Amino acid sequence: MYDLIVIGGGPAGYLAAERGAEEGLKILLYEKRNLGGVCLNEGCIPSKSLLYSAKIYQSALYGEKYGVTAKDISFDHKKVIERKQKVVGMLVGGIKAKLKKLKVEIISSAAYIKGRSGGAFQVEADGKVSEAKQLLIACGSMPVLPPIEGLKESITSGFALTNREILDLTEVPAKLSIIGGGVIGLEMAAYYNAAGSEVTVIEMLDHIAGNTDAEIAKLLQNSLQNKGVKFMLSSKVTKISGGKVEYINDGKTQSVKADKVLVSIGRKPFTEGIGLENIGLHTERGAVVTDDMCRT
């Protein structure tokens, strides 16, 4: 019997496991992929690693105006990805080492909540059921994949990508179309533009960067446009296939050719198929409803 079972090894899950273990609790943590969650493996950290490499490259290219002259400047995308992987690996390794030191038990598998019996939560993975007095659900989020014609097939074939796959591309696509002008889309637009891609961002709203201050968003758009990024605003994507993306703008169907397509229109809670119904949890739009203390 554990004091606490944590489902999800992201920033919420692994930190909770650390704090609990420091207080002497016996803890079991389930993580089906890598410790660190989306932020460390597929989001904040790797994207900033790529963008920093792009920044250094841009600084070298235009250093003369600051009195710095460099010769034979080149950009090696594969080495950038290799460095990104080393950075992520080092940080993930640090988390794993600390949890191990605190004697947190880690099971690298997807967990399923079977129910509750005798005051204990029952969680199963790989055919083995474990019990705990308390349960923390920290499964994080997953990409939203809209019902666009051809999207499912494009994801399967590798033509369309999510934030997970785009960060591991070993080749820079000549033409990259990005569906969604939010944070993820804009970061990847900035990086792959610097790396040499012809980037087109297709956004349904009439502005980029979501709820960001309008003046700042416009400055960012102008900056990216000056570097060659194209923006198709007030445009709804209707089909992805045959090396192109079709969209409707001002009532007219248009298209843009692409070698790769990044789908980044947002994220949603990852709560499907983990057994929430077995303990009667109430959800709204996929999110577990909690009080001000994050209790169900």
Foldseek 3Di string as FASTA:
>chain_A
DFAEEEEAQAPVRLVVLLVCLVVPTAYEYEAQPAHHPCCLQQDVQLLVLLVVLLVVLVCQVPVVVVVDHDPPRDRQLQVSLVVSVVRSVVVSVVSVVSSVVSVHHYDNFHKAFQADDPQWTWIDGPHDIDIHNYYHYDHFKDADDDPAAPPVVCVVVQQEDESNVLSNDNDQWQEEEEEAQADSRLSSLSSSLSNHHQYEYEYLAQFHHPPPDRVVRVVSVVVSVVSRYHYHYNWAWHHDDDQKTWIADPNDIDIDGTSHYYYHHDIDGPDPPRHPVNHPFDDDRRHTDADPVRHD
